[in-house]
PDB file of N, CA and C in Angstrom:
ATOM      1  N   UNK A   1       0.829  -1.192   0.000  1.00  0.00           N
ATOM      2  CA  UNK A   1       0.000   0.000   0.000  1.00  0.00           C
ATOM      3  C   UNK A   1       0.876   1.260   0.000  1.00  0.00           C
ATOM      4  N   UNK A   2       1.914   1.283   0.834  1.00  0.00           N
ATOM      5  CA  UNK A   2       2.826   2.430   0.900  1.00  0.00           C
ATOM      6  C   UNK A   2       3.445   2.707  -0.474  1.00  0.00           C
ATOM      7  N   UNK A   3       3.824   1.649  -1.156  1.00  0.00           N
ATOM      8  CA  UNK A   3       4.437   1.789  -2.475  1.00  0.00           C
ATOM      9  C   UNK A   3       3.464   2.436  -3.465  1.00  0.00           C
ATOM     10  N   UNK A   4       2.180   2.081  -3.373  1.00  0.00           N
ATOM     11  CA  UNK A   4       1.175   2.667  -4.264  1.00  0.00           C
ATOM     12  C   UNK A   4       1.047   4.166  -4.053  1.00  0.00           C
ATOM     13  N   UNK A   5       1.032   4.599  -2.787  1.00  0.00           N
ATOM     14  CA  UNK A   5       0.903   6.037  -2.523  1.00  0.00           C
ATOM     15  C   UNK A   5       2.160   6.780  -2.958  1.00  0.00           C
ATOM     16  N   UNK A   6       3.326   6.139  -2.803  1.00  0.00           N
ATOM     17  CA  UNK A   6       4.576   6.749  -3.253  1.00  0.00           C
ATOM     18  C   UNK A   6       4.576   6.889  -4.778  1.00  0.00           C
ATOM     19  N   UNK A   7       4.085   5.882  -5.468  1.00  0.00           N
ATOM     20  CA  UNK A   7       4.004   5.920  -6.925  1.00  0.00           C
ATOM     21  C   UNK A   7       3.035   7.006  -7.384  1.00  0.00           C
ATOM     22  N   UNK A   8       1.908   7.132  -6.709  1.00  0.00           N
ATOM     23  CA  UNK A   8       0.943   8.178  -7.056  1.00  0.00           C
ATOM     24  C   UNK A   8       1.550   9.568  -6.861  1.00  0.00           C
ATOM     25  N   UNK A   9       2.294   9.751  -5.758  1.00  0.00           N
ATOM     26  CA  UNK A   9       2.945  11.035  -5.511  1.00  0.00           C
ATOM     27  C   UNK A   9       3.991  11.306  -6.586  1.00  0.00           C
ATOM     28  N   UNK A  10       4.767  10.293  -6.945  1.00  0.00           N
ATOM     29  CA  UNK A  10       5.775  10.451  -7.993  1.00  0.00           C
ATOM     30  C   UNK A  10       5.121  10.879  -9.306  1.00  0.00           C
ATOM     31  N   UNK A  11       4.028  10.228  -9.669  1.00  0.00           N
ATOM     32  CA  UNK A  11       3.331  10.562 -10.916  1.00  0.00           C
ATOM     33  C   UNK A  11       2.786  11.987 -10.874  1.00  0.00           C
ATOM     34  N   UNK A  12       2.245  12.382  -9.715  1.00  0.00           N
ATOM     35  CA  UNK A  12       1.701  13.736  -9.576  1.00  0.00           C
ATOM     36  C   UNK A  12       2.813  14.783  -9.679  1.00  0.00           C
ATOM     37  N   UNK A  13       3.932  14.533  -9.016  1.00  0.00           N
ATOM     38  CA  UNK A  13       5.055  15.475  -9.069  1.00  0.00           C
ATOM     39  C   UNK A  13       5.605  15.554 -10.492  1.00  0.00           C
ATOM     40  N   UNK A  14       5.734  14.417 -11.154  1.00  0.00           N
ATOM     41  CA  UNK A  14       6.244  14.407 -12.526  1.00  0.00           C
ATOM     42  C   UNK A  14       5.337  15.220 -13.458  1.00  0.00           C
ATOM     43  N   UNK A  15       4.035  15.044 -13.326  1.00  0.00           N
ATOM     44  CA  UNK A  15       3.095  15.791 -14.168  1.00  0.00           C
ATOM     45  C   UNK A  15       3.158  17.285 -13.873  1.00  0.00           C
ATOM     46  N   UNK A  16       3.264  17.642 -12.590  1.00  0.00           N
ATOM     47  CA  UNK A  16       3.331  19.065 -12.221  1.00  0.00           C
ATOM     48  C   UNK A  16       4.649  19.681 -12.656  1.00  0.00           C
ATOM     49  N   UNK A  17       5.746  18.917 -12.601  1.00  0.00           N
ATOM     50  CA  UNK A  17       7.027  19.438 -13.091  1.00  0.00           C
ATOM     51  C   UNK A  17       6.948  19.724 -14.585  1.00  0.00           C
ATOM     52  N   UNK A  18       6.320  18.829 -15.315  1.00  0.00           N
ATOM     53  CA  UNK A  18       6.155  19.034 -16.758  1.00  0.00           C
ATOM     54  C   UNK A  18       5.340  20.300 -17.011  1.00  0.00           C
ATOM     55  N   UNK A  19       4.264  20.471 -16.259  1.00  0.00           N
ATOM     56  CA  UNK A  19       3.433  21.670 -16.390  1.00  0.00           C
ATOM     57  C   UNK A  19       4.240  22.923 -16.036  1.00  0.00           C
ATOM     58  N   UNK A  20       5.019  22.845 -14.976  1.00  0.00           N
ATOM     59  CA  UNK A  20       5.819  24.001 -14.548  1.00  0.00           C
ATOM     60  C   UNK A  20       6.845  24.381 -15.610  1.00  0.00           C
ATOM     61  N   UNK A  21       7.511  23.406 -16.196  1.00  0.00           N
ATOM     62  CA  UNK A  21       8.481  23.694 -17.258  1.00  0.00           C
ATOM     63  C   UNK A  21       7.799  24.378 -18.439  1.00  0.00           C
ATOM     64  N   UNK A  22       6.625  23.906 -18.800  1.00  0.00           N
ATOM     65  CA  UNK A  22       5.876  24.512 -19.898  1.00  0.00           C
ATOM     66  C   UNK A  22       5.516  25.951 -19.577  1.00  0.00           C
ATOM     67  N   UNK A  23       5.049  26.189 -18.354  1.00  0.00           N
ATOM     68  CA  UNK A  23       4.684  27.552 -17.952  1.00  0.00           C
ATOM     69  C   UNK A  23       5.885  28.482 -17.955  1.00  0.00           C
ATOM     70  N   UNK A  24       7.001  28.002 -17.435  1.00  0.00           N
ATOM     71  CA  UNK A  24       8.205  28.847 -17.388  1.00  0.00           C
ATOM     72  C   UNK A  24       8.657  29.197 -18.800  1.00  0.00           C
ATOM     73  N   UNK A  25       8.629  28.238 -19.709  1.00  0.00           N
ATOM     74  CA  UNK A  25       9.036  28.509 -21.098  1.00  0.00           C
ATOM     75  C   UNK A  25       8.146  29.549 -21.754  1.00  0.00           C
ATOM     76  N   UNK A  26       6.863  29.582 -21.380  1.00  0.00           N
ATOM     77  CA  UNK A  26       5.924  30.486 -22.052  1.00  0.00           C
ATOM     78  C   UNK A  26       5.845  31.878 -21.409  1.00  0.00           C
ATOM     79  N   UNK A  27       6.501  32.076 -20.283  1.00  0.00           N
ATOM     80  CA  UNK A  27       6.444  33.377 -19.610  1.00  0.00           C
ATOM     81  C   UNK A  27       7.099  34.474 -20.439  1.00  0.00           C
ATOM     82  N   UNK A  28       6.503  35.640 -20.409  1.00  0.00           N
ATOM     83  CA  UNK A  28       7.074  36.812 -21.066  1.00  0.00           C
ATOM     84  C   UNK A  28       7.867  37.598 -20.011  1.00  0.00           C
ATOM     85  N   UNK A  29       9.042  37.082 -19.682  1.00  0.00           N
ATOM     86  CA  UNK A  29       9.900  37.684 -18.662  1.00  0.00           C
ATOM     87  C   UNK A  29      11.318  37.779 -19.229  1.00  0.00           C
ATOM     88  N   UNK A  30      12.170  38.614 -18.611  1.00  0.00           N
ATOM     89  CA  UNK A  30      13.569  38.671 -19.063  1.00  0.00           C
ATOM     90  C   UNK A  30      14.238  37.295 -18.961  1.00  0.00           C
ATOM     91  N   UNK A  31      15.213  37.086 -19.807  1.00  0.00           N
ATOM     92  CA  UNK A  31      15.891  35.786 -19.862  1.00  0.00           C
ATOM     93  C   UNK A  31      16.503  35.398 -18.521  1.00  0.00           C
ATOM     94  N   UNK A  32      17.024  36.364 -17.757  1.00  0.00           N
ATOM     95  CA  UNK A  32      17.601  36.077 -16.455  1.00  0.00           C
ATOM     96  C   UNK A  32      16.578  35.499 -15.482  1.00  0.00           C
ATOM     97  N   UNK A  33      15.359  36.000 -15.540  1.00  0.00           N
ATOM     98  CA  UNK A  33      14.281  35.485 -14.687  1.00  0.00           C
ATOM     99  C   UNK A  33      13.935  34.065 -15.112  1.00  0.00           C
ATOM    100  N   UNK A  34      13.833  33.852 -16.409  1.00  0.00           N
ATOM    101  CA  UNK A  34      13.517  32.512 -16.921  1.00  0.00           C
ATOM    102  C   UNK A  34      14.597  31.512 -16.498  1.00  0.00           C
ATOM    103  N   UNK A  35      15.845  31.934 -16.563  1.00  0.00           N
ATOM    104  CA  UNK A  35      16.943  31.040 -16.163  1.00  0.00           C
ATOM    105  C   UNK A  35      16.877  30.725 -14.673  1.00  0.00           C
ATOM    106  N   UNK A  36      16.560  31.729 -13.844  1.00  0.00           N
ATOM    107  CA  UNK A  36      16.439  31.507 -12.399  1.00  0.00           C
ATOM    108  C   UNK A  36      15.312  30.519 -12.100  1.00  0.00           C
ATOM    109  N   UNK A  37      14.198  30.667 -12.795  1.00  0.00           N
ATOM    110  CA  UNK A  37      13.082  29.740 -12.606  1.00  0.00           C
ATOM    111  C   UNK A  37      13.451  28.336 -13.079  1.00  0.00           C
ATOM    112  N   UNK A  38      14.172  28.250 -14.178  1.00  0.00           N
ATOM    113  CA  UNK A  38      14.611  26.947 -14.682  1.00  0.00           C
ATOM    114  C   UNK A  38      15.550  26.269 -13.690  1.00  0.00           C
ATOM    115  N   UNK A  39      16.426  27.053 -13.062  1.00  0.00           N
ATOM    116  CA  UNK A  39      17.323  26.492 -12.045  1.00  0.00           C
ATOM    117  C   UNK A  39      16.513  25.960 -10.861  1.00  0.00           C
ATOM    118  N   UNK A  40      15.496  26.694 -10.456  1.00  0.00           N
ATOM    119  CA  UNK A  40      14.643  26.225  -9.360  1.00  0.00           C
ATOM    120  C   UNK A  40      13.991  24.892  -9.731  1.00  0.00           C
ATOM    121  N   UNK A  41      13.534  24.789 -10.964  1.00  0.00           N
ATOM    122  CA  UNK A  41      12.918  23.539 -11.404  1.00  0.00           C
ATOM    123  C   UNK A  41      13.922  22.396 -11.413  1.00  0.00           C
ATOM    124  N   UNK A  42      15.150  22.674 -11.795  1.00  0.00           N
ATOM    125  CA  UNK A  42      16.184  21.635 -11.774  1.00  0.00           C
ATOM    126  C   UNK A  42      16.473  21.177 -10.347  1.00  0.00           C
ATOM    127  N   UNK A  43      16.498  22.116  -9.411  1.00  0.00           N
ATOM    128  CA  UNK A  43      16.722  21.765  -8.003  1.00  0.00           C
ATOM    129  C   UNK A  43      15.578  20.890  -7.493  1.00  0.00           C
ATOM    130  N   UNK A  44      14.357  21.258  -7.842  1.00  0.00           N
ATOM    131  CA  UNK A  44      13.197  20.469  -7.415  1.00  0.00           C
ATOM    132  C   UNK A  44      13.250  19.071  -8.024  1.00  0.00           C
ATOM    133  N   UNK A  45      13.634  18.984  -9.285  1.00  0.00           N
ATOM    134  CA  UNK A  45      13.746  17.687  -9.954  1.00  0.00           C
ATOM    135  C   UNK A  45      14.781  16.817  -9.259  1.00  0.00           C
ATOM    136  N   UNK A  46      15.928  17.403  -8.923  1.00  0.00           N
ATOM    137  CA  UNK A  46      16.969  16.650  -8.222  1.00  0.00           C
ATOM    138  C   UNK A  46      16.492  16.225  -6.835  1.00  0.00           C
ATOM    139  N   UNK A  47      15.784  17.115  -6.148  1.00  0.00           N
ATOM    140  CA  UNK A  47      15.272  16.788  -4.814  1.00  0.00           C
ATOM    141  C   UNK A  47      14.285  15.626  -4.872  1.00  0.00           C
ATOM    142  N   UNK A  48      13.534  15.541  -5.957  1.00  0.00           N
ATOM    143  CA  UNK A  48      12.536  14.478  -6.094  1.00  0.00           C
ATOM    144  C   UNK A  48      13.178  13.094  -6.079  1.00  0.00           C
ATOM    145  N   UNK A  49      14.416  13.008  -6.466  1.00  0.00           N
ATOM    146  CA  UNK A  49      15.110  11.719  -6.480  1.00  0.00           C
ATOM    147  C   UNK A  49      15.438  11.239  -5.075  1.00  0.00           C
ATOM    148  N   UNK A  50      15.511  12.167  -4.107  1.00  0.00           N
ATOM    149  CA  UNK A  50      15.945  11.814  -2.761  1.00  0.00           C
ATOM    150  C   UNK A  50      14.876  12.029  -1.699  1.00  0.00           C
ATOM    151  N   UNK A  51      14.008  13.015  -1.913  1.00  0.00           N
ATOM    152  CA  UNK A  51      12.988  13.350  -0.920  1.00  0.00           C
ATOM    153  C   UNK A  51      11.750  13.843  -1.656  1.00  0.00           C
ATOM    154  N   UNK A  52      10.947  12.906  -2.088  1.00  0.00           N
ATOM    155  CA  UNK A  52       9.787  13.217  -2.921  1.00  0.00           C
ATOM    156  C   UNK A  52       8.781  14.136  -2.229  1.00  0.00           C
ATOM    157  N   UNK A  53       8.449  13.910  -0.967  1.00  0.00           N
ATOM    158  CA  UNK A  53       7.501  14.839  -0.315  1.00  0.00           C
ATOM    159  C   UNK A  53       8.041  16.273  -0.250  1.00  0.00           C
ATOM    160  N   UNK A  54       9.325  16.448   0.032  1.00  0.00           N
ATOM    161  CA  UNK A  54       9.911  17.788   0.062  1.00  0.00           C
ATOM    162  C   UNK A  54       9.862  18.424  -1.328  1.00  0.00           C
ATOM    163  N   UNK A  55      10.153  17.641  -2.350  1.00  0.00           N
ATOM    164  CA  UNK A  55      10.108  18.156  -3.716  1.00  0.00           C
ATOM    165  C   UNK A  55       8.681  18.600  -4.065  1.00  0.00           C
ATOM    166  N   UNK A  56       7.692  17.835  -3.636  1.00  0.00           N
ATOM    167  CA  UNK A  56       6.293  18.198  -3.896  1.00  0.00           C
ATOM    168  C   UNK A  56       5.955  19.522  -3.210  1.00  0.00           C
ATOM    169  N   UNK A  57       6.435  19.704  -1.990  1.00  0.00           N
ATOM    170  CA  UNK A  57       6.199  20.953  -1.263  1.00  0.00           C
ATOM    171  C   UNK A  57       6.861  22.129  -1.968  1.00  0.00           C
ATOM    172  N   UNK A  58       8.103  21.945  -2.381  1.00  0.00           N
ATOM    173  CA  UNK A  58       8.830  23.008  -3.101  1.00  0.00           C
ATOM    174  C   UNK A  58       8.113  23.358  -4.407  1.00  0.00           C
ATOM    175  N   UNK A  59       7.645  22.333  -5.098  1.00  0.00           N
ATOM    176  CA  UNK A  59       6.960  22.562  -6.366  1.00  0.00           C
ATOM    177  C   UNK A  59       5.648  23.304  -6.138  1.00  0.00           C
ATOM    178  N   UNK A  60       4.928  22.944  -5.084  1.00  0.00           N
ATOM    179  CA  UNK A  60       3.690  23.671  -4.759  1.00  0.00           C
ATOM    180  C   UNK A  60       3.981  25.146  -4.535  1.00  0.00           C
ATOM    181  N   UNK A  61       5.059  25.440  -3.805  1.00  0.00           N
ATOM    182  CA  UNK A  61       5.433  26.827  -3.537  1.00  0.00           C
ATOM    183  C   UNK A  61       5.779  27.572  -4.825  1.00  0.00           C
ATOM    184  N   UNK A  62       6.544  26.914  -5.691  1.00  0.00           N
ATOM    185  CA  UNK A  62       6.930  27.539  -6.953  1.00  0.00           C
ATOM    186  C   UNK A  62       5.699  27.808  -7.819  1.00  0.00           C
ATOM    187  N   UNK A  63       4.795  26.849  -7.893  1.00  0.00           N
ATOM    188  CA  UNK A  63       3.592  27.028  -8.710  1.00  0.00           C
ATOM    189  C   UNK A  63       2.736  28.162  -8.155  1.00  0.00           C
ATOM    190  N   UNK A  64       2.650  28.264  -6.837  1.00  0.00           N
ATOM    191  CA  UNK A  64       1.894  29.352  -6.226  1.00  0.00           C
ATOM    192  C   UNK A  64       2.531  30.696  -6.579  1.00  0.00           C
ATOM    193  N   UNK A  65       3.860  30.761  -6.527  1.00  0.00           N
ATOM    194  CA  UNK A  65       4.557  31.992  -6.912  1.00  0.00           C
ATOM    195  C   UNK A  65       4.265  32.349  -8.367  1.00  0.00           C
ATOM    196  N   UNK A  66       4.276  31.364  -9.249  1.00  0.00           N
ATOM    197  CA  UNK A  66       3.969  31.611 -10.660  1.00  0.00           C
ATOM    198  C   UNK A  66       2.534  32.112 -10.815  1.00  0.00           C
ATOM    199  N   UNK A  67       1.610  31.468 -10.103  1.00  0.00           N
ATOM    200  CA  UNK A  67       0.196  31.872 -10.171  1.00  0.00           C
ATOM    201  C   UNK A  67       0.012  33.319  -9.720  1.00  0.00           C
ATOM    202  N   UNK A  68       0.785  33.728  -8.719  1.00  0.00           N
ATOM    203  CA  UNK A  68       0.638  35.063  -8.147  1.00  0.00           C
ATOM    204  C   UNK A  68       1.583  36.086  -8.778  1.00  0.00           C
ATOM    205  N   UNK A  69       2.325  35.654  -9.806  1.00  0.00           N
ATOM    206  CA  UNK A  69       3.200  36.587 -10.513  1.00  0.00           C
ATOM    207  C   UNK A  69       4.450  36.995  -9.748  1.00  0.00           C
ATOM    208  N   UNK A  70       4.855  36.181  -8.782  1.00  0.00           N
ATOM    209  CA  UNK A  70       6.082  36.463  -8.028  1.00  0.00           C
ATOM    210  C   UNK A  70       7.231  35.713  -8.688  1.00  0.00           C
ATOM    211  N   UNK A  71       8.167  36.478  -9.210  1.00  0.00           N
ATOM    212  CA  UNK A  71       9.312  35.887  -9.913  1.00  0.00           C
ATOM    213  C   UNK A  71      10.606  36.326  -9.247  1.00  0.00           C
ATOM    214  N   UNK A  72      11.670  35.529  -9.409  1.00  0.00           N
ATOM    215  CA  UNK A  72      12.963  35.947  -8.867  1.00  0.00           C
ATOM    216  C   UNK A  72      13.483  37.199  -9.582  1.00  0.00           C
ATOM    217  N   UNK A  73      14.382  37.902  -8.933  1.00  0.00           N
ATOM    218  CA  UNK A  73      15.011  39.089  -9.526  1.00  0.00           C
ATOM    219  C   UNK A  73      15.827  38.692 -10.752  1.00  0.00           C
ATOM    220  N   UNK A  74      15.851  39.558 -11.730  1.00  0.00           N
ATOM    221  CA  UNK A  74      16.697  39.375 -12.912  1.00  0.00           C
ATOM    222  C   UNK A  74      18.123  39.759 -12.528  1.00  0.00           C
ATOM    223  N   UNK A  75      19.064  38.852 -12.787  1.00  0.00           N
ATOM    224  CA  UNK A  75      20.468  39.118 -12.444  1.00  0.00           C
ATOM    225  C   UNK A  75      21.145  40.025 -13.437  1.00  0.00           C
TER     226      UNK A  75
END
């Protein structure tokens, strides 16, 4: 049973990561902002390999920031 819930979480995180990458690519923001967001997505992807619940939490936060128009500073 535990394995099933872990698999469901993995599938949900994978689908949301795909959605997040698509959203970041389509944003009309400076390239530096897009790169910062892409780096965040890479960190979340790497975290998913070791701590899936933490990665899901980080991804939820990032998606909320995108929904609310909060982006990192352009370097």
